[in-house]
Protein backbone atom coordinates (compact mmCIF):
# COMPACT_ATOMS: atom_id res chain seq x y z
CA MET A 1 15.29 55.30 141.01
CA ASN A 2 13.28 54.31 144.10
CA ILE A 3 9.79 55.51 145.04
CA TYR A 4 11.02 58.09 147.52
CA THR A 5 13.41 59.66 144.99
CA ARG A 6 10.54 60.00 142.49
CA LYS A 7 8.40 61.70 145.16
CA LEU A 8 11.20 64.15 145.90
CA ARG A 9 11.49 64.97 142.18
CA TRP A 10 7.76 65.70 141.91
CA LYS A 11 7.86 67.87 145.03
CA PHE A 12 10.81 69.80 143.61
CA LEU A 13 9.04 70.32 140.27
CA LEU A 14 5.88 71.57 141.98
CA PHE A 15 7.89 73.90 144.20
CA ALA A 16 9.85 75.20 141.20
CA ALA A 17 6.59 75.84 139.31
CA ALA A 18 5.13 77.74 142.29
CA VAL A 19 8.31 79.82 142.62
CA SER A 20 8.24 80.61 138.88
CA ILE A 21 4.64 81.80 139.13
CA GLY A 22 5.47 83.92 142.17
CA VAL A 23 8.57 85.48 140.57
CA SER A 24 6.69 86.22 137.34
CA SER A 25 3.89 87.87 139.29
CA LEU A 26 6.36 89.94 141.31
CA TRP A 27 8.17 91.06 138.16
CA TYR A 28 4.96 92.11 136.44
CA THR A 29 3.62 93.97 139.48
CA ASN A 30 6.96 95.70 140.02
CA ASN A 31 6.99 96.94 136.42
CA LEU A 32 3.42 98.16 136.83
CA VAL A 33 4.39 100.08 139.99
CA LYS A 34 7.28 101.73 138.13
CA LYS A 35 4.99 102.83 135.28
CA LEU A 36 2.42 104.24 137.71
CA ALA A 37 5.20 106.08 139.55
CA VAL A 38 6.21 107.76 136.28
CA GLU A 39 2.58 108.72 135.65
CA GLU A 40 2.28 110.22 139.12
CA ARG A 41 5.44 112.22 138.49
CA LYS A 42 3.89 113.61 135.31
CA ARG A 43 0.72 114.44 137.21
CA ALA A 44 2.76 116.30 139.84
CA GLU A 45 4.60 118.21 137.10
CA LEU A 46 1.27 119.14 135.52
CA LEU A 47 0.03 120.34 138.89
CA ALA A 48 3.19 122.47 139.31
CA GLU A 49 2.71 123.95 135.84
CA ALA A 50 -0.94 124.76 136.59
CA GLN A 51 0.11 126.34 139.90
CA GLN A 52 2.67 128.48 138.11
CA LYS A 53 0.26 129.67 135.41
CA PHE A 54 -2.54 130.23 137.90
CA VAL A 55 -0.35 132.58 139.97
CA ASN A 56 0.96 134.45 136.92
CA ALA A 57 -2.38 134.58 135.05
CA GLU A 58 -4.33 137.80 134.56
CA LEU A 59 -7.87 137.96 135.93
CA THR A 60 -9.13 138.16 132.32
CA ASP A 61 -7.31 135.00 131.33
CA ARG A 62 -9.86 132.54 129.92
CA ASN A 63 -7.83 129.58 131.19
CA LEU A 64 -7.94 130.70 134.81
CA ASP A 65 -10.76 128.30 135.70
CA PHE A 66 -8.97 125.50 133.88
CA TYR A 67 -5.80 126.00 135.95
CA GLY A 68 -7.88 125.92 139.12
CA LYS A 69 -9.63 122.72 138.05
CA VAL A 70 -6.28 121.01 137.33
CA MET A 71 -5.18 121.77 140.88
CA GLN A 72 -8.51 120.75 142.39
CA ASN A 73 -8.74 117.50 140.42
CA ASN A 74 -5.63 116.10 142.03
CA GLU A 75 -7.33 113.91 144.63
CA THR A 76 -4.75 111.14 145.02
CA VAL A 77 -1.16 112.44 145.02
CA PRO A 78 -0.11 114.08 148.33
CA VAL A 79 1.70 117.38 147.58
CA ILE A 80 3.29 120.20 149.57
CA VAL A 81 4.42 123.49 148.00
CA VAL A 82 7.06 125.59 149.77
CA ASP A 83 8.83 128.83 148.97
CA SER A 84 12.58 129.38 148.77
CA LEU A 85 12.69 129.83 152.55
CA ASN A 86 10.98 126.46 153.06
CA ASN A 87 7.74 128.04 154.26
CA ILE A 88 4.74 125.85 153.47
CA LEU A 89 2.40 127.62 151.03
CA PHE A 90 0.05 124.87 149.87
CA MET A 91 -0.70 121.23 150.66
CA ARG A 92 -3.19 118.72 149.42
CA ASN A 93 -4.24 115.08 149.93
CA LEU A 94 -2.63 114.72 153.34
CA ASP A 95 -4.43 113.27 156.35
CA SER A 96 -7.20 115.85 156.86
CA ALA A 97 -7.34 115.15 160.59
CA LYS A 98 -3.65 116.01 161.00
CA MET A 99 -3.14 118.84 158.54
CA ASP A 100 -3.31 121.39 161.39
CA ASN A 101 -0.50 119.62 163.21
CA PRO A 102 2.85 121.25 162.26
CA ARG A 103 4.85 118.18 163.40
CA TYR A 104 2.86 115.91 161.12
CA VAL A 105 3.18 118.25 158.12
CA ASN A 106 6.91 118.79 158.63
CA LYS A 107 7.43 115.03 158.95
CA LYS A 108 5.58 114.43 155.67
CA LEU A 109 7.61 117.17 153.98
CA LYS A 110 10.85 115.59 155.19
CA GLN A 111 9.74 112.20 153.84
CA MET A 112 8.86 113.75 150.47
CA LYS A 113 12.26 115.42 150.24
CA GLU A 114 13.98 112.08 150.95
CA THR A 115 12.01 110.09 148.38
CA THR A 116 11.37 112.47 145.43
CA ASP A 117 13.14 115.29 143.64
CA PRO A 118 11.36 118.66 143.88
CA ILE A 119 9.52 120.17 140.94
CA ILE A 120 10.45 123.85 140.55
CA ILE A 121 7.65 126.38 140.04
CA ARG A 122 9.14 129.56 138.45
CA LEU A 123 6.89 132.52 139.29
CA SER A 124 9.43 135.12 138.17
CA PRO A 125 13.16 135.27 137.50
CA ALA A 126 13.75 135.98 141.18
CA GLU A 127 10.90 134.04 142.79
CA ARG A 128 10.62 130.27 142.86
CA GLN A 129 8.50 127.71 144.68
CA PHE A 130 9.14 124.00 145.12
CA LEU A 131 6.54 121.25 144.86
CA TYR A 132 7.22 118.04 146.73
CA TYR A 133 5.05 114.94 146.46
CA SER A 134 4.86 111.35 147.63
CA LYS A 135 3.26 108.19 146.31
CA SER A 136 -0.50 108.08 146.32
CA THR A 137 -2.28 105.74 148.71
CA ILE A 138 -3.14 103.40 145.83
CA LEU A 139 0.45 103.29 144.58
CA THR A 140 1.75 102.73 148.11
CA LYS A 141 -0.60 99.78 148.56
CA LEU A 142 0.35 98.45 145.15
CA THR A 143 4.04 98.68 146.09
CA PHE A 144 3.47 96.26 148.96
CA TYR A 145 1.02 94.13 146.99
CA PRO A 146 3.75 91.81 145.57
CA LEU A 147 4.82 90.89 149.11
CA VAL A 148 1.20 90.21 150.10
CA GLN A 149 0.76 88.24 146.90
CA LEU A 150 3.89 86.20 147.56
CA GLY A 151 2.71 85.52 151.12
CA ILE A 152 -0.66 84.29 149.84
CA ILE A 153 1.04 82.04 147.27
CA LEU A 154 3.33 80.56 149.93
CA LEU A 155 0.41 80.07 152.31
CA PHE A 156 -1.57 78.33 149.57
CA ILE A 157 1.40 76.07 148.79
CA LEU A 158 1.81 75.16 152.46
CA VAL A 159 -1.90 74.47 152.98
CA ALA A 160 -2.07 72.43 149.77
CA TYR A 161 1.08 70.51 150.71
CA PHE A 162 -0.12 69.64 154.21
CA ALA A 163 -3.59 68.75 152.96
CA PHE A 164 -2.11 66.53 150.26
CA SER A 165 0.36 64.96 152.70
CA SER A 166 -2.35 64.26 155.28
CA SER A 167 -4.62 62.73 152.66
CA ARG A 168 -1.80 60.66 151.23
CA ASN A 169 -0.64 59.48 154.68
CA ALA A 170 -4.19 58.51 155.63
CA GLU A 171 -4.53 56.56 152.39
CA GLN A 172 -1.14 54.90 152.90
CA ASN A 173 -2.12 53.93 156.44
CA GLN A 174 -5.34 52.36 155.19
CA VAL A 175 -3.45 50.41 152.53
CA TRP A 176 -0.76 49.44 155.06
CA VAL A 177 -3.28 48.20 157.62
CA GLY A 178 -5.41 46.45 155.01
CA LEU A 179 -2.40 44.68 153.51
CA SER A 180 -1.18 43.58 156.96
CA LYS A 181 -4.60 42.24 157.99
CA GLU A 182 -5.05 40.44 154.69
CA THR A 183 -1.55 38.91 154.93
CA ALA A 184 -2.30 37.63 158.43
CA HIS A 185 -5.61 36.21 157.23
CA GLN A 186 -4.07 34.46 154.22
CA LEU A 187 -1.29 32.94 156.33
CA GLY A 188 -3.74 31.60 158.88
CA THR A 189 -5.18 28.77 156.76
CA PRO A 190 -1.92 27.16 155.53
CA ILE A 191 -0.42 27.42 159.02
CA SER A 192 -3.38 25.52 160.46
CA SER A 193 -2.91 22.86 157.81
CA LEU A 194 0.82 22.63 158.53
CA LEU A 195 0.11 22.16 162.23
CA ALA A 196 -2.27 19.32 161.43
CA TRP A 197 0.25 17.66 159.11
CA LEU A 198 2.93 18.04 161.78
CA GLU A 199 0.80 16.17 164.34
CA MET A 200 0.20 13.38 161.81
CA MET A 201 3.93 13.13 161.06
CA LYS A 202 4.70 12.84 164.76
CA LEU A 203 2.54 9.73 164.86
CA ARG A 204 4.26 8.14 161.85
CA THR A 205 7.97 8.97 162.19
CA THR A 206 10.67 8.82 164.79
CA GLU A 207 12.87 11.56 163.31
CA SER A 208 12.43 13.90 166.25
CA ASP A 209 15.16 16.38 165.15
CA LEU A 210 13.51 16.94 161.78
CA LEU A 211 10.09 17.38 163.36
CA SER A 212 11.53 19.75 165.95
CA GLU A 213 12.97 22.04 163.27
CA LEU A 214 9.75 21.89 161.30
CA GLU A 215 7.78 22.82 164.43
CA LYS A 216 10.09 25.80 165.03
CA ASP A 217 9.47 27.09 161.52
CA ILE A 218 5.71 26.73 161.90
CA LYS A 219 5.82 28.61 165.20
CA ARG A 220 7.85 31.28 163.43
CA LEU A 221 5.11 31.60 160.83
CA GLU A 222 2.56 31.89 163.63
CA LYS A 223 4.58 34.72 165.18
CA ILE A 224 4.82 36.53 161.83
CA THR A 225 1.06 36.18 161.37
CA GLU A 226 0.49 37.55 164.87
CA ARG A 227 2.71 40.55 164.09
CA PHE A 228 0.87 41.40 160.89
CA SER A 229 -2.49 41.07 162.64
CA LYS A 230 -1.46 43.71 165.20
CA ILE A 231 -0.61 46.37 162.61
CA GLY A 232 -3.32 49.02 162.60
CA SER A 233 -4.57 48.46 166.14
CA LYS A 234 -2.95 49.68 169.35
CA PRO A 235 -1.14 46.66 170.82
CA ILE A 236 -1.23 45.83 174.51
CA LEU A 237 2.03 46.72 176.27
CA LYS A 238 3.21 44.72 179.25
CA LYS A 239 6.22 45.01 181.51
CA GLU A 240 8.74 42.81 179.71
CA ASN A 241 12.39 42.07 180.33
CA LEU A 242 14.05 44.07 177.52
CA VAL A 243 17.24 42.01 177.83
CA SER A 244 15.35 38.77 177.25
CA VAL A 245 13.36 40.17 174.30
CA ILE A 246 16.52 41.38 172.53
CA SER A 247 18.32 38.10 173.24
CA THR A 248 15.48 36.12 171.67
CA ALA A 249 15.56 38.23 168.50
CA VAL A 250 19.36 38.08 168.19
CA ASN A 251 19.51 34.32 168.78
CA TYR A 252 17.00 33.77 165.99
CA LEU A 253 19.07 35.91 163.61
CA LYS A 254 22.32 34.16 164.57
CA SER A 255 20.92 30.79 163.62
CA ARG A 256 20.00 32.06 160.16
CA THR A 257 22.97 34.32 159.39
CA SER A 258 26.35 33.52 157.89
CA GLY A 259 29.23 32.98 160.28
CA SER A 260 30.96 35.90 158.56
CA VAL A 261 28.71 38.24 160.54
CA ILE A 262 29.77 38.55 164.17
CA PHE A 263 27.16 39.56 166.77
CA ASN A 264 28.44 41.26 169.91
CA VAL A 265 25.60 41.78 172.36
CA HIS A 266 26.47 43.78 175.46
CA LEU A 267 23.58 42.98 177.79
CA THR A 268 23.26 43.08 181.54
CA ASN A 269 22.40 39.98 183.54
CA GLU A 270 19.81 41.92 185.50
CA GLU A 271 16.19 42.32 184.45
CA LEU A 272 15.34 45.58 182.74
CA LEU A 273 11.55 45.90 182.73
CA VAL A 274 10.07 48.16 180.05
CA PRO A 275 6.46 48.43 178.72
CA LEU A 276 6.65 46.41 175.49
CA ASN A 277 4.77 44.29 173.06
CA ALA A 278 7.47 41.62 172.90
CA SER A 279 6.45 40.17 169.53
CA LEU A 280 6.46 43.55 167.76
CA PHE A 281 9.64 44.78 169.41
CA GLU A 282 11.48 41.62 168.39
CA TRP A 283 10.41 42.51 164.85
CA VAL A 284 12.04 45.94 165.25
CA ILE A 285 15.35 44.42 166.40
CA GLU A 286 15.27 41.89 163.56
CA ASN A 287 14.61 44.55 160.90
CA ILE A 288 17.38 46.85 162.14
CA CYS A 289 19.86 43.98 162.42
CA LYS A 290 18.98 42.74 158.92
CA ASN A 291 19.67 46.19 157.54
CA ALA A 292 22.96 46.23 159.46
CA ILE A 293 23.89 42.86 157.93
CA ASP A 294 23.01 44.14 154.44
CA ALA A 295 25.17 47.23 155.05
CA THR A 296 28.18 44.98 155.77
CA ASN A 297 27.48 42.91 152.64
CA GLY A 298 27.22 39.82 154.82
CA LYS A 299 30.69 40.20 156.31
CA GLY A 300 31.23 42.41 159.33
CA GLU A 301 30.23 43.07 162.90
CA VAL A 302 26.91 43.99 164.54
CA GLU A 303 26.93 45.24 168.14
CA ILE A 304 24.02 45.91 170.48
CA PHE A 305 24.32 48.05 173.61
CA ILE A 306 21.71 48.75 176.29
CA THR A 307 22.11 51.89 178.41
CA ASP A 308 19.82 52.32 181.39
CA HIS A 309 18.97 55.92 182.29
CA ASN A 310 16.62 57.18 184.99
CA GLN A 311 13.52 57.60 182.84
CA VAL A 312 14.49 56.00 179.52
CA VAL A 313 16.50 53.16 178.05
CA PHE A 314 18.81 53.48 175.03
CA VAL A 315 19.22 50.53 172.67
CA ASP A 316 22.10 51.18 170.25
CA ILE A 317 22.59 48.87 167.27
CA SER A 318 25.83 49.51 165.39
CA ASP A 319 27.42 47.94 162.32
CA THR A 320 30.72 48.13 160.45
CA GLY A 321 29.03 48.67 157.10
CA LYS A 322 29.15 51.31 154.39
CA GLY A 323 27.57 54.08 156.49
CA ILE A 324 24.91 56.67 155.65
CA SER A 325 25.38 60.23 154.42
CA LYS A 326 24.01 62.89 156.78
CA GLY A 327 21.36 63.96 154.28
CA LYS A 328 19.83 60.48 154.40
CA PHE A 329 19.53 60.18 158.21
CA LYS A 330 15.75 60.75 158.10
CA THR A 331 15.17 59.48 154.57
CA ILE A 332 16.04 55.87 155.40
CA PHE A 333 12.91 55.65 157.58
CA LYS A 334 10.59 56.76 154.76
CA PRO A 335 8.36 54.05 153.18
CA GLY A 336 9.73 52.92 149.85
CA TYR A 337 13.31 54.10 150.38
CA THR A 338 15.84 51.34 149.68
CA THR A 339 19.32 50.92 148.23
CA LYS A 340 18.70 47.28 147.31
CA GLU A 341 17.62 46.33 143.79
CA ARG A 342 14.86 44.03 145.03
CA GLY A 343 14.07 45.76 148.31
CA TRP A 344 10.68 47.20 149.24
CA GLY A 345 12.01 49.82 151.65
CA LEU A 346 9.57 48.90 154.42
CA GLY A 347 11.77 47.39 157.16
CA LEU A 348 12.98 50.59 158.84
CA SER A 349 9.68 52.33 158.13
CA LEU A 350 7.89 49.53 159.96
CA ALA A 351 10.40 49.71 162.83
CA LYS A 352 9.80 53.44 163.17
CA ARG A 353 6.03 52.94 163.22
CA ILE A 354 6.24 50.25 165.92
CA VAL A 355 8.65 52.21 168.14
CA GLU A 356 7.12 55.68 167.85
CA GLU A 357 3.39 55.01 167.37
CA TYR A 358 2.96 51.84 169.41
CA HIS A 359 5.63 52.27 172.11
CA ASP A 360 5.76 56.08 172.33
CA GLY A 361 9.53 55.96 171.82
CA LYS A 362 12.06 57.33 169.35
CA ILE A 363 14.25 55.77 166.68
CA PHE A 364 16.89 57.63 164.69
CA VAL A 365 20.40 57.51 163.26
CA HIS A 366 22.57 58.36 166.25
CA GLN A 367 25.76 58.58 164.22
CA SER A 368 27.18 57.35 160.95
CA GLU A 369 30.33 57.71 158.90
CA LEU A 370 30.70 56.68 155.28
CA GLY A 371 32.86 53.59 154.96
CA LYS A 372 32.96 52.97 158.72
CA GLY A 373 29.44 52.15 159.88
CA THR A 374 26.23 53.34 161.47
CA VAL A 375 24.60 53.44 164.90
CA ILE A 376 20.79 53.30 165.12
CA ARG A 377 19.42 54.38 168.49
CA ILE A 378 16.07 53.36 170.01
CA VAL A 379 14.79 55.32 173.00
CA LEU A 380 12.16 53.63 175.17
CA LYS A 381 10.34 55.01 178.21
CA LYS A 382 10.60 52.93 181.38
CA GLN A 383 7.14 53.94 182.60
């Protein structure tokens, strides 16, 4: 399991835990709302019973005041009492500013009829009244509380995720830059020594071919050191011939790649000037081509196309390798993602950083098919 897969597993576990907490909270609150709704129904039934006994009570009835207090103490549940002809007889706990508005009262009555069953008040065998009620303001708010709660939980998860990601990315960048600078520094001393030894060998031997190859390798080390030293600081871009830069990178790879890998480079003979840092962009081409070679298992074809548009240039690098599943199109550019047992998963991540952060371009999987190959596209601005 690579680093990126482990990160995905942790993210999934954290998301699953957050969802579990949210669902549990919603379930508990929903049950609480149901219990409170039952209690409000009982309160409405008690109010209807008090209304019935109050109307039928004699003036000498000792419980008359009690019935009145029961009706008066209902300060939360909105109620409307109507007769058999639907004439409104009594209402309580509606919006006091609108109670004189017949349209408002009739609208509330209609809503009550649609949401609750009426409670029958039997005044006599022939006379009946009907009490309708709706949820109290507190219960209504509590009904929507789970949604508010879920929104807060999701917002907290998002804020925490972005804060964590930003902190982690900043830390990774610091480590990345520090490692690159330290690598460049450590390479500097032995390269200087090698250059000195090379000059001494030139004075003592006549094997010019051997010395020439040794000098090429030392210059290669110097270029690698230069590349590492530029990571972390904005490189200077100059108008460079893109065709020449790509040719240099491909020629280097050809000389160090098995003959089983065929390079087909479709380049124009004309200059194509693009703002580049040549050394870093060569590194991009090398990394993508090395991944293409790995995808073919050292036996296949790598093609490079340049397409000149009005404002941008497309550089397409295709291979005849094993291809990439659609779900991995973005994943392959993540630091640490690799399919090789001994790989670090930094090549394409580094290429993406150089193209997008340093050259203000784009790099992505243009197309891929499992078992047939992949096309990586680089988009560069001409101005």
